[in-house]
């Protein structure tokens, strides 16, 4: 966990998400998901469909297939009638990470940030450079 102004940033991968889930505000958090491949779209769509049912307020998708992930997630949310969850997708990593860190939730204080980037060294380094 990294204190980031009035927010807390948690870094994890899919396997460690369950381990940290009790550490962040599970009723008010934003999730960052990479979508660099079609396989990641499938994997992260299944993951996102589970977490949005339990308090995730917004899902930010980043990478070459980020709009495919966002579109699939939006379709799933609409089918479930879960229209209060916001989704965004940005192809350019720097822009996506800046939005994730500074713009999500209207910069609401106390909103926890959870980035599923532990296995993505490029995104991890980019996040580290933005917060240090």
Protein backbone atom coordinates (compact mmCIF):
# COMPACT_ATOMS: atom_id res chain seq x y z
CA UNK A 1 0.00 0.00 0.00
CA UNK A 2 1.23 3.47 -0.92
CA UNK A 3 -0.24 6.63 0.57
CA UNK A 4 -1.04 8.96 -2.28
CA UNK A 5 -2.34 12.29 -1.03
CA UNK A 6 -5.76 11.62 0.48
CA UNK A 7 -5.94 8.27 -1.27
CA UNK A 8 -4.30 4.89 -0.92
CA UNK A 9 -2.84 2.99 -3.86
CA UNK A 10 -2.70 -0.81 -3.79
CA UNK A 11 -0.70 -2.78 -6.34
CA UNK A 12 -1.55 -6.41 -6.99
CA UNK A 13 -2.08 -9.10 -9.58
CA UNK A 14 -5.11 -11.37 -9.96
CA UNK A 15 -3.73 -13.91 -7.52
CA UNK A 16 -2.89 -11.40 -4.77
CA UNK A 17 -6.12 -9.39 -5.11
CA UNK A 18 -7.96 -11.61 -2.63
CA UNK A 19 -5.08 -11.23 -0.15
CA UNK A 20 -5.33 -7.43 -0.13
CA UNK A 21 -9.11 -7.17 -0.47
CA UNK A 22 -9.56 -6.68 3.27
CA UNK A 23 -7.01 -3.84 3.29
CA UNK A 24 -8.77 -1.37 0.98
CA UNK A 25 -12.22 0.15 1.16
CA UNK A 26 -14.10 -2.59 -0.70
CA UNK A 27 -17.19 -0.37 -0.90
CA UNK A 28 -15.46 2.57 -2.61
CA UNK A 29 -12.51 1.87 -4.86
CA UNK A 30 -11.35 2.16 -8.45
CA UNK A 31 -9.70 -0.64 -10.37
CA UNK A 32 -7.02 -0.29 -13.06
CA UNK A 33 -6.85 -3.22 -15.48
CA UNK A 34 -4.34 -3.69 -18.32
CA UNK A 35 -5.64 -4.95 -21.65
CA UNK A 36 -2.63 -5.50 -23.89
CA UNK A 37 -3.89 -8.75 -25.46
CA UNK A 38 -7.18 -10.39 -26.35
CA UNK A 39 -6.48 -13.02 -23.68
CA UNK A 40 -6.21 -10.28 -21.04
CA UNK A 41 -9.58 -8.94 -22.17
CA UNK A 42 -11.18 -12.32 -21.46
CA UNK A 43 -9.39 -12.86 -18.15
CA UNK A 44 -9.95 -9.35 -16.82
CA UNK A 45 -13.58 -9.25 -17.96
CA UNK A 46 -14.30 -12.31 -15.82
CA UNK A 47 -12.41 -10.75 -12.91
CA UNK A 48 -14.11 -7.34 -13.31
CA UNK A 49 -17.55 -8.93 -13.48
CA UNK A 50 -16.94 -10.36 -10.01
CA UNK A 51 -15.51 -7.26 -8.34
CA UNK A 52 -18.08 -4.77 -9.62
CA UNK A 53 -20.73 -6.76 -7.79
CA UNK A 54 -18.90 -6.05 -4.52
CA UNK A 55 -18.27 -2.30 -4.44
CA UNK A 56 -15.92 -1.32 -7.24
CA UNK A 57 -17.02 2.19 -8.26
CA UNK A 58 -15.05 2.52 -11.50
CA UNK A 59 -12.92 0.37 -13.79
CA UNK A 60 -10.14 2.00 -15.80
CA UNK A 61 -8.83 -0.04 -18.72
CA UNK A 62 -5.45 0.66 -20.29
CA UNK A 63 -3.67 -0.79 -23.29
CA UNK A 64 -4.12 -1.76 -26.92
CA UNK A 65 -7.35 -3.67 -26.23
CA UNK A 66 -8.66 -1.35 -23.52
CA UNK A 67 -11.70 -0.26 -25.53
CA UNK A 68 -12.60 -3.93 -26.20
CA UNK A 69 -12.43 -4.63 -22.48
CA UNK A 70 -14.46 -1.52 -21.64
CA UNK A 71 -17.11 -2.34 -24.28
CA UNK A 72 -17.47 -5.92 -23.04
CA UNK A 73 -17.64 -4.74 -19.44
CA UNK A 74 -20.23 -2.07 -20.29
CA UNK A 75 -22.38 -4.66 -22.09
CA UNK A 76 -22.19 -6.98 -19.09
CA UNK A 77 -23.00 -4.18 -16.64
CA UNK A 78 -25.96 -3.09 -18.75
CA UNK A 79 -27.34 -6.64 -18.89
CA UNK A 80 -27.06 -6.87 -15.11
CA UNK A 81 -28.63 -3.44 -14.61
CA UNK A 82 -25.49 -2.30 -12.80
CA UNK A 83 -25.34 1.15 -14.39
CA UNK A 84 -23.74 3.01 -11.46
CA UNK A 85 -20.27 1.57 -12.18
CA UNK A 86 -18.25 3.90 -14.41
CA UNK A 87 -15.82 2.56 -17.00
CA UNK A 88 -13.06 4.27 -18.96
CA UNK A 89 -10.53 3.10 -21.49
CA UNK A 90 -7.40 4.83 -22.71
CA UNK A 91 -4.92 3.41 -25.16
CA UNK A 92 -2.01 5.64 -24.16
CA UNK A 93 -0.49 4.40 -20.91
CA UNK A 94 0.68 7.75 -19.54
CA UNK A 95 -2.70 9.37 -20.05
CA UNK A 96 -4.51 6.37 -18.54
CA UNK A 97 -2.29 6.26 -15.47
CA UNK A 98 -2.60 10.00 -14.86
CA UNK A 99 -6.37 9.72 -15.11
CA UNK A 100 -6.34 6.74 -12.73
CA UNK A 101 -4.19 8.55 -10.17
CA UNK A 102 -5.61 12.06 -10.39
CA UNK A 103 -8.99 12.06 -12.14
CA UNK A 104 -11.07 9.05 -11.15
CA UNK A 105 -14.09 9.70 -9.01
CA UNK A 106 -13.68 13.45 -9.46
CA UNK A 107 -10.59 13.23 -7.25
CA UNK A 108 -12.83 12.21 -4.34
CA UNK A 109 -10.75 11.96 -1.17
CA UNK A 110 -10.73 8.57 0.50
CA UNK A 111 -11.34 6.68 -2.73
CA UNK A 112 -8.92 3.74 -2.79
CA UNK A 113 -7.03 2.90 -5.97
CA UNK A 114 -6.29 -0.72 -6.85
CA UNK A 115 -3.97 -1.32 -9.81
CA UNK A 116 -3.71 -4.87 -11.13
CA UNK A 117 -0.22 -4.32 -12.55
CA UNK A 118 2.17 -6.46 -10.51
CA UNK A 119 2.89 -8.71 -13.49
CA UNK A 120 3.17 -5.80 -15.93
CA UNK A 121 6.60 -4.27 -15.37
CA UNK A 122 6.02 -1.42 -17.84
CA UNK A 123 2.85 -0.21 -16.13
CA UNK A 124 4.37 -0.76 -12.70
CA UNK A 125 7.42 1.38 -13.54
CA UNK A 126 5.21 4.06 -15.09
CA UNK A 127 3.03 4.20 -11.97
CA UNK A 128 6.13 4.34 -9.75
CA UNK A 129 7.50 7.28 -11.74
CA UNK A 130 4.22 9.19 -11.48
CA UNK A 131 3.89 8.79 -7.72
CA UNK A 132 7.50 9.35 -6.68
